[in-house]
Amino acid sequence: MLDRSATLTILQEGVEQRSITGMVARFEQGNTGLHQTTYQMSIYPDLWRTTLRQNSRIFQQLDIAAILTMLL
């Protein structure tokens, strides 16, 4: 289920009101009863993954002015 495309369609009186498409970022099983089980799923836009990335750099033997010159 994770990382797969999903579409959530909201209906009102059988008529589609809204549709949400994205990727499944979280899916978990909740309470289980005799005839039913609840599930929770989080759908995020595909570009959400870009927020998980970090850029890190290490600067050795440079003063602050030299680092700022390189970055700006």
PDB file of N, CA and C in Angstrom:
ATOM      1  N   MET A   1       0.811  -1.202   0.000  1.00  0.00           N
ATOM      2  CA  MET A   1       0.000   0.000   0.000  1.00  0.00           C
ATOM      3  C   MET A   1       0.855   1.267   0.000  1.00  0.00           C
ATOM      4  N   LEU A   2       1.952   1.279   0.733  1.00  0.00           N
ATOM      5  CA  LEU A   2       2.754   2.500   0.839  1.00  0.00           C
ATOM      6  C   LEU A   2       3.400   2.855  -0.492  1.00  0.00           C
ATOM      7  N   ASP A   3       3.545   4.140  -0.729  1.00  0.00           N
ATOM      8  CA  ASP A   3       4.159   4.696  -1.938  1.00  0.00           C
ATOM      9  C   ASP A   3       3.369   4.399  -3.210  1.00  0.00           C
ATOM     10  N   ARG A   4       2.135   3.986  -3.090  1.00  0.00           N
ATOM     11  CA  ARG A   4       1.302   3.739  -4.259  1.00  0.00           C
ATOM     12  C   ARG A   4       0.354   4.915  -4.463  1.00  0.00           C
ATOM     13  N   SER A   5      -0.069   5.075  -5.685  1.00  0.00           N
ATOM     14  CA  SER A   5      -1.018   6.133  -6.012  1.00  0.00           C
ATOM     15  C   SER A   5      -2.399   5.767  -5.479  1.00  0.00           C
ATOM     16  N   ALA A   6      -3.115   6.760  -4.975  1.00  0.00           N
ATOM     17  CA  ALA A   6      -4.460   6.526  -4.435  1.00  0.00           C
ATOM     18  C   ALA A   6      -5.346   7.724  -4.758  1.00  0.00           C
ATOM     19  N   THR A   7      -6.626   7.444  -4.908  1.00  0.00           N
ATOM     20  CA  THR A   7      -7.608   8.498  -5.134  1.00  0.00           C
ATOM     21  C   THR A   7      -8.738   8.332  -4.135  1.00  0.00           C
ATOM     22  N   LEU A   8      -9.034   9.389  -3.408  1.00  0.00           N
ATOM     23  CA  LEU A   8     -10.145   9.418  -2.467  1.00  0.00           C
ATOM     24  C   LEU A   8     -11.251  10.249  -3.100  1.00  0.00           C
ATOM     25  N   THR A   9     -12.410   9.639  -3.279  1.00  0.00           N
ATOM     26  CA  THR A   9     -13.544  10.331  -3.882  1.00  0.00           C
ATOM     27  C   THR A   9     -14.609  10.554  -2.822  1.00  0.00           C
ATOM     28  N   ILE A  10     -15.039  11.791  -2.659  1.00  0.00           N
ATOM     29  CA  ILE A  10     -16.059  12.142  -1.678  1.00  0.00           C
ATOM     30  C   ILE A  10     -17.387  12.291  -2.409  1.00  0.00           C
ATOM     31  N   LEU A  11     -18.362  11.499  -1.982  1.00  0.00           N
ATOM     32  CA  LEU A  11     -19.685  11.520  -2.596  1.00  0.00           C
ATOM     33  C   LEU A  11     -20.699  12.132  -1.637  1.00  0.00           C
ATOM     34  N   GLN A  12     -21.673  12.825  -2.182  1.00  0.00           N
ATOM     35  CA  GLN A  12     -22.796  13.328  -1.402  1.00  0.00           C
ATOM     36  C   GLN A  12     -24.055  12.983  -2.182  1.00  0.00           C
ATOM     37  N   GLU A  13     -24.871  12.140  -1.580  1.00  0.00           N
ATOM     38  CA  GLU A  13     -26.090  11.643  -2.214  1.00  0.00           C
ATOM     39  C   GLU A  13     -25.790  11.021  -3.578  1.00  0.00           C
ATOM     40  N   GLY A  14     -24.684  10.283  -3.627  1.00  0.00           N
ATOM     41  CA  GLY A  14     -24.312   9.570  -4.841  1.00  0.00           C
ATOM     42  C   GLY A  14     -23.641  10.406  -5.906  1.00  0.00           C
ATOM     43  N   VAL A  15     -23.435  11.688  -5.647  1.00  0.00           N
ATOM     44  CA  VAL A  15     -22.818  12.584  -6.625  1.00  0.00           C
ATOM     45  C   VAL A  15     -21.417  12.951  -6.137  1.00  0.00           C
ATOM     46  N   GLU A  16     -20.425  12.815  -7.020  1.00  0.00           N
ATOM     47  CA  GLU A  16     -19.052  13.140  -6.652  1.00  0.00           C
ATOM     48  C   GLU A  16     -18.915  14.634  -6.377  1.00  0.00           C
ATOM     49  N   GLN A  17     -18.436  14.959  -5.175  1.00  0.00           N
ATOM     50  CA  GLN A  17     -18.248  16.350  -4.773  1.00  0.00           C
ATOM     51  C   GLN A  17     -16.788  16.784  -4.911  1.00  0.00           C
ATOM     52  N   ARG A  18     -15.892  15.840  -4.624  1.00  0.00           N
ATOM     53  CA  ARG A  18     -14.473  16.171  -4.632  1.00  0.00           C
ATOM     54  C   ARG A  18     -13.669  14.901  -4.793  1.00  0.00           C
ATOM     55  N   SER A  19     -12.517  15.035  -5.415  1.00  0.00           N
ATOM     56  CA  SER A  19     -11.627  13.902  -5.603  1.00  0.00           C
ATOM     57  C   SER A  19     -10.222  14.334  -5.223  1.00  0.00           C
ATOM     58  N   ILE A  20      -9.541  13.527  -4.416  1.00  0.00           N
ATOM     59  CA  ILE A  20      -8.191  13.836  -3.949  1.00  0.00           C
ATOM     60  C   ILE A  20      -7.275  12.715  -4.416  1.00  0.00           C
ATOM     61  N   THR A  21      -6.219  13.076  -5.125  1.00  0.00           N
ATOM     62  CA  THR A  21      -5.272  12.086  -5.633  1.00  0.00           C
ATOM     63  C   THR A  21      -3.894  12.380  -5.071  1.00  0.00           C
ATOM     64  N   GLY A  22      -3.172  11.333  -4.696  1.00  0.00           N
ATOM     65  CA  GLY A  22      -1.822  11.487  -4.174  1.00  0.00           C
ATOM     66  C   GLY A  22      -1.197  10.135  -3.944  1.00  0.00           C
ATOM     67  N   MET A  23      -0.176  10.118  -3.113  1.00  0.00           N
ATOM     68  CA  MET A  23       0.483   8.859  -2.784  1.00  0.00           C
ATOM     69  C   MET A  23       0.201   8.500  -1.330  1.00  0.00           C
ATOM     70  N   VAL A  24       0.140   7.210  -1.066  1.00  0.00           N
ATOM     71  CA  VAL A  24      -0.132   6.723   0.288  1.00  0.00           C
ATOM     72  C   VAL A  24       1.160   6.817   1.098  1.00  0.00           C
ATOM     73  N   ALA A  25       1.157   7.646   2.128  1.00  0.00           N
ATOM     74  CA  ALA A  25       2.331   7.836   2.974  1.00  0.00           C
ATOM     75  C   ALA A  25       2.206   7.066   4.287  1.00  0.00           C
ATOM     76  N   ARG A  26       0.979   6.756   4.688  1.00  0.00           N
ATOM     77  CA  ARG A  26       0.765   6.030   5.944  1.00  0.00           C
ATOM     78  C   ARG A  26      -0.502   5.208   5.798  1.00  0.00           C
ATOM     79  N   PHE A  27      -0.446   3.968   6.278  1.00  0.00           N
ATOM     80  CA  PHE A  27      -1.611   3.095   6.245  1.00  0.00           C
ATOM     81  C   PHE A  27      -1.520   2.179   7.450  1.00  0.00           C
ATOM     82  N   GLU A  28      -2.538   2.211   8.303  1.00  0.00           N
ATOM     83  CA  GLU A  28      -2.496   1.348   9.487  1.00  0.00           C
ATOM     84  C   GLU A  28      -3.874   0.811   9.828  1.00  0.00           C
ATOM     85  N   GLN A  29      -3.844  -0.371  10.400  1.00  0.00           N
ATOM     86  CA  GLN A  29      -5.083  -1.032  10.815  1.00  0.00           C
ATOM     87  C   GLN A  29      -5.422  -0.591  12.223  1.00  0.00           C
ATOM     88  N   GLY A  30      -6.683  -0.251  12.422  1.00  0.00           N
ATOM     89  CA  GLY A  30      -7.150   0.176  13.736  1.00  0.00           C
ATOM     90  C   GLY A  30      -7.849  -0.954  14.461  1.00  0.00           C
ATOM     91  N   ASN A  31      -8.947  -0.634  15.114  1.00  0.00           N
ATOM     92  CA  ASN A  31      -9.704  -1.613  15.890  1.00  0.00           C
ATOM     93  C   ASN A  31     -10.369  -2.640  14.984  1.00  0.00           C
ATOM     94  N   THR A  32     -10.418  -3.864  15.481  1.00  0.00           N
ATOM     95  CA  THR A  32     -11.080  -4.944  14.755  1.00  0.00           C
ATOM     96  C   THR A  32     -12.202  -5.479  15.622  1.00  0.00           C
ATOM     97  N   GLY A  33     -13.400  -5.524  15.048  1.00  0.00           N
ATOM     98  CA  GLY A  33     -14.557  -6.055  15.750  1.00  0.00           C
ATOM     99  C   GLY A  33     -14.992  -7.364  15.121  1.00  0.00           C
ATOM    100  N   LEU A  34     -16.190  -7.799  15.460  1.00  0.00           N
ATOM    101  CA  LEU A  34     -16.705  -9.063  14.946  1.00  0.00           C
ATOM    102  C   LEU A  34     -16.906  -9.011  13.434  1.00  0.00           C
ATOM    103  N   HIS A  35     -17.454  -7.921  12.930  1.00  0.00           N
ATOM    104  CA  HIS A  35     -17.752  -7.827  11.500  1.00  0.00           C
ATOM    105  C   HIS A  35     -17.132  -6.608  10.817  1.00  0.00           C
ATOM    106  N   GLN A  36     -16.246  -5.902  11.505  1.00  0.00           N
ATOM    107  CA  GLN A  36     -15.672  -4.710  10.884  1.00  0.00           C
ATOM    108  C   GLN A  36     -14.268  -4.444  11.401  1.00  0.00           C
ATOM    109  N   THR A  37     -13.497  -3.778  10.592  1.00  0.00           N
ATOM    110  CA  THR A  37     -12.151  -3.345  10.940  1.00  0.00           C
ATOM    111  C   THR A  37     -11.988  -1.918  10.443  1.00  0.00           C
ATOM    112  N   THR A  38     -11.375  -1.072  11.252  1.00  0.00           N
ATOM    113  CA  THR A  38     -11.135   0.303  10.815  1.00  0.00           C
ATOM    114  C   THR A  38      -9.690   0.442  10.342  1.00  0.00           C
ATOM    115  N   TYR A  39      -9.502   1.315   9.368  1.00  0.00           N
ATOM    116  CA  TYR A  39      -8.181   1.592   8.822  1.00  0.00           C
ATOM    117  C   TYR A  39      -7.987   3.099   8.761  1.00  0.00           C
ATOM    118  N   GLN A  40      -6.746   3.521   8.861  1.00  0.00           N
ATOM    119  CA  GLN A  40      -6.407   4.931   8.688  1.00  0.00           C
ATOM    120  C   GLN A  40      -5.350   5.032   7.596  1.00  0.00           C
ATOM    121  N   MET A  41      -5.559   5.971   6.682  1.00  0.00           N
ATOM    122  CA  MET A  41      -4.641   6.143   5.572  1.00  0.00           C
ATOM    123  C   MET A  41      -4.385   7.632   5.373  1.00  0.00           C
ATOM    124  N   SER A  42      -3.131   7.989   5.156  1.00  0.00           N
ATOM    125  CA  SER A  42      -2.759   9.371   4.854  1.00  0.00           C
ATOM    126  C   SER A  42      -2.323   9.446   3.402  1.00  0.00           C
ATOM    127  N   ILE A  43      -2.945  10.364   2.659  1.00  0.00           N
ATOM    128  CA  ILE A  43      -2.602  10.589   1.263  1.00  0.00           C
ATOM    129  C   ILE A  43      -1.981  11.977   1.162  1.00  0.00           C
ATOM    130  N   TYR A  44      -0.786  12.044   0.586  1.00  0.00           N
ATOM    131  CA  TYR A  44      -0.079  13.304   0.404  1.00  0.00           C
ATOM    132  C   TYR A  44       0.131  13.559  -1.083  1.00  0.00           C
ATOM    133  N   PRO A  45       0.252  14.827  -1.483  1.00  0.00           N
ATOM    134  CA  PRO A  45       0.562  15.124  -2.881  1.00  0.00           C
ATOM    135  C   PRO A  45       1.910  14.503  -3.262  1.00  0.00           C
ATOM    136  N   ASP A  46       2.088  14.187  -4.529  1.00  0.00           N
ATOM    137  CA  ASP A  46       3.334  13.563  -4.972  1.00  0.00           C
ATOM    138  C   ASP A  46       4.558  14.412  -4.644  1.00  0.00           C
ATOM    139  N   LEU A  47       4.430  15.729  -4.684  1.00  0.00           N
ATOM    140  CA  LEU A  47       5.567  16.605  -4.383  1.00  0.00           C
ATOM    141  C   LEU A  47       5.931  16.630  -2.902  1.00  0.00           C
ATOM    142  N   TRP A  48       5.131  16.016  -2.052  1.00  0.00           N
ATOM    143  CA  TRP A  48       5.414  15.973  -0.616  1.00  0.00           C
ATOM    144  C   TRP A  48       6.774  15.355  -0.342  1.00  0.00           C
ATOM    145  N   ARG A  49       7.190  14.402  -1.159  1.00  0.00           N
ATOM    146  CA  ARG A  49       8.484  13.741  -0.947  1.00  0.00           C
ATOM    147  C   ARG A  49       9.650  14.721  -0.974  1.00  0.00           C
ATOM    148  N   THR A  50       9.505  15.800  -1.699  1.00  0.00           N
ATOM    149  CA  THR A  50      10.603  16.760  -1.770  1.00  0.00           C
ATOM    150  C   THR A  50      10.882  17.406  -0.418  1.00  0.00           C
ATOM    151  N   THR A  51       9.927  17.381   0.503  1.00  0.00           N
ATOM    152  CA  THR A  51      10.143  17.961   1.834  1.00  0.00           C
ATOM    153  C   THR A  51      10.981  17.053   2.718  1.00  0.00           C
ATOM    154  N   LEU A  52      11.206  15.814   2.305  1.00  0.00           N
ATOM    155  CA  LEU A  52      11.959  14.860   3.109  1.00  0.00           C
ATOM    156  C   LEU A  52      13.460  14.936   2.848  1.00  0.00           C
ATOM    157  N   ARG A  53      13.856  15.707   1.859  1.00  0.00           N
ATOM    158  CA  ARG A  53      15.247  15.767   1.446  1.00  0.00           C
ATOM    159  C   ARG A  53      15.987  16.861   2.204  1.00  0.00           C
ATOM    160  N   GLN A  54      17.243  16.575   2.520  1.00  0.00           N
ATOM    161  CA  GLN A  54      18.091  17.569   3.166  1.00  0.00           C
ATOM    162  C   GLN A  54      19.384  17.701   2.379  1.00  0.00           C
ATOM    163  N   ASN A  55      19.880  18.894   2.274  1.00  0.00           N
ATOM    164  CA  ASN A  55      21.188  19.135   1.667  1.00  0.00           C
ATOM    165  C   ASN A  55      22.155  19.520   2.771  1.00  0.00           C
ATOM    166  N   SER A  56      23.238  18.785   2.878  1.00  0.00           N
ATOM    167  CA  SER A  56      24.250  19.077   3.890  1.00  0.00           C
ATOM    168  C   SER A  56      25.615  19.174   3.213  1.00  0.00           C
ATOM    169  N   ARG A  57      26.400  20.118   3.655  1.00  0.00           N
ATOM    170  CA  ARG A  57      27.757  20.265   3.147  1.00  0.00           C
ATOM    171  C   ARG A  57      28.684  20.487   4.329  1.00  0.00           C
ATOM    172  N   ILE A  58      29.918  20.026   4.177  1.00  0.00           N
ATOM    173  CA  ILE A  58      30.934  20.202   5.209  1.00  0.00           C
ATOM    174  C   ILE A  58      32.022  21.111   4.648  1.00  0.00           C
ATOM    175  N   PHE A  59      32.336  22.136   5.380  1.00  0.00           N
ATOM    176  CA  PHE A  59      33.383  23.076   4.976  1.00  0.00           C
ATOM    177  C   PHE A  59      34.517  22.964   5.985  1.00  0.00           C
ATOM    178  N   GLN A  60      35.691  22.576   5.496  1.00  0.00           N
ATOM    179  CA  GLN A  60      36.847  22.427   6.372  1.00  0.00           C
ATOM    180  C   GLN A  60      37.910  23.449   5.995  1.00  0.00           C
ATOM    181  N   GLN A  61      38.562  23.969   6.998  1.00  0.00           N
ATOM    182  CA  GLN A  61      39.683  24.898   6.850  1.00  0.00           C
ATOM    183  C   GLN A  61      39.300  26.140   6.047  1.00  0.00           C
ATOM    184  N   LEU A  62      38.066  26.619   6.230  1.00  0.00           N
ATOM    185  CA  LEU A  62      37.611  27.857   5.594  1.00  0.00           C
ATOM    186  C   LEU A  62      37.027  28.767   6.669  1.00  0.00           C
ATOM    187  N   ASP A  63      37.247  30.061   6.498  1.00  0.00           N
ATOM    188  CA  ASP A  63      36.622  30.991   7.433  1.00  0.00           C
ATOM    189  C   ASP A  63      35.208  31.319   6.955  1.00  0.00           C
ATOM    190  N   ILE A  64      34.461  32.028   7.772  1.00  0.00           N
ATOM    191  CA  ILE A  64      33.055  32.311   7.469  1.00  0.00           C
ATOM    192  C   ILE A  64      32.917  33.116   6.181  1.00  0.00           C
ATOM    193  N   ALA A  65      33.790  34.061   5.960  1.00  0.00           N
ATOM    194  CA  ALA A  65      33.716  34.881   4.745  1.00  0.00           C
ATOM    195  C   ALA A  65      33.892  34.023   3.491  1.00  0.00           C
ATOM    196  N   ALA A  66      34.805  33.075   3.517  1.00  0.00           N
ATOM    197  CA  ALA A  66      35.038  32.203   2.362  1.00  0.00           C
ATOM    198  C   ALA A  66      33.834  31.292   2.113  1.00  0.00           C
ATOM    199  N   ILE A  67      33.229  30.802   3.181  1.00  0.00           N
ATOM    200  CA  ILE A  67      32.043  29.944   3.035  1.00  0.00           C
ATOM    201  C   ILE A  67      30.894  30.734   2.438  1.00  0.00           C
ATOM    202  N   LEU A  68      30.670  31.954   2.937  1.00  0.00           N
ATOM    203  CA  LEU A  68      29.594  32.787   2.403  1.00  0.00           C
ATOM    204  C   LEU A  68      29.831  33.140   0.942  1.00  0.00           C
ATOM    205  N   THR A  69      31.067  33.375   0.569  1.00  0.00           N
ATOM    206  CA  THR A  69      31.380  33.670  -0.832  1.00  0.00           C
ATOM    207  C   THR A  69      31.044  32.476  -1.721  1.00  0.00           C
ATOM    208  N   MET A  70      31.331  31.274  -1.259  1.00  0.00           N
ATOM    209  CA  MET A  70      31.032  30.068  -2.040  1.00  0.00           C
ATOM    210  C   MET A  70      29.529  29.851  -2.180  1.00  0.00           C
ATOM    211  N   LEU A  71      28.781  30.124  -1.116  1.00  0.00           N
ATOM    212  CA  LEU A  71      27.346  29.845  -1.122  1.00  0.00           C
ATOM    213  C   LEU A  71      26.531  30.928  -1.810  1.00  0.00           C
ATOM    214  N   LEU A  72      26.992  32.154  -1.755  1.00  0.00           N
ATOM    215  CA  LEU A  72      26.228  33.262  -2.340  1.00  0.00           C
ATOM    216  C   LEU A  72      26.809  33.619  -3.646  1.00  0.00           C
TER     217      LEU A  72
END
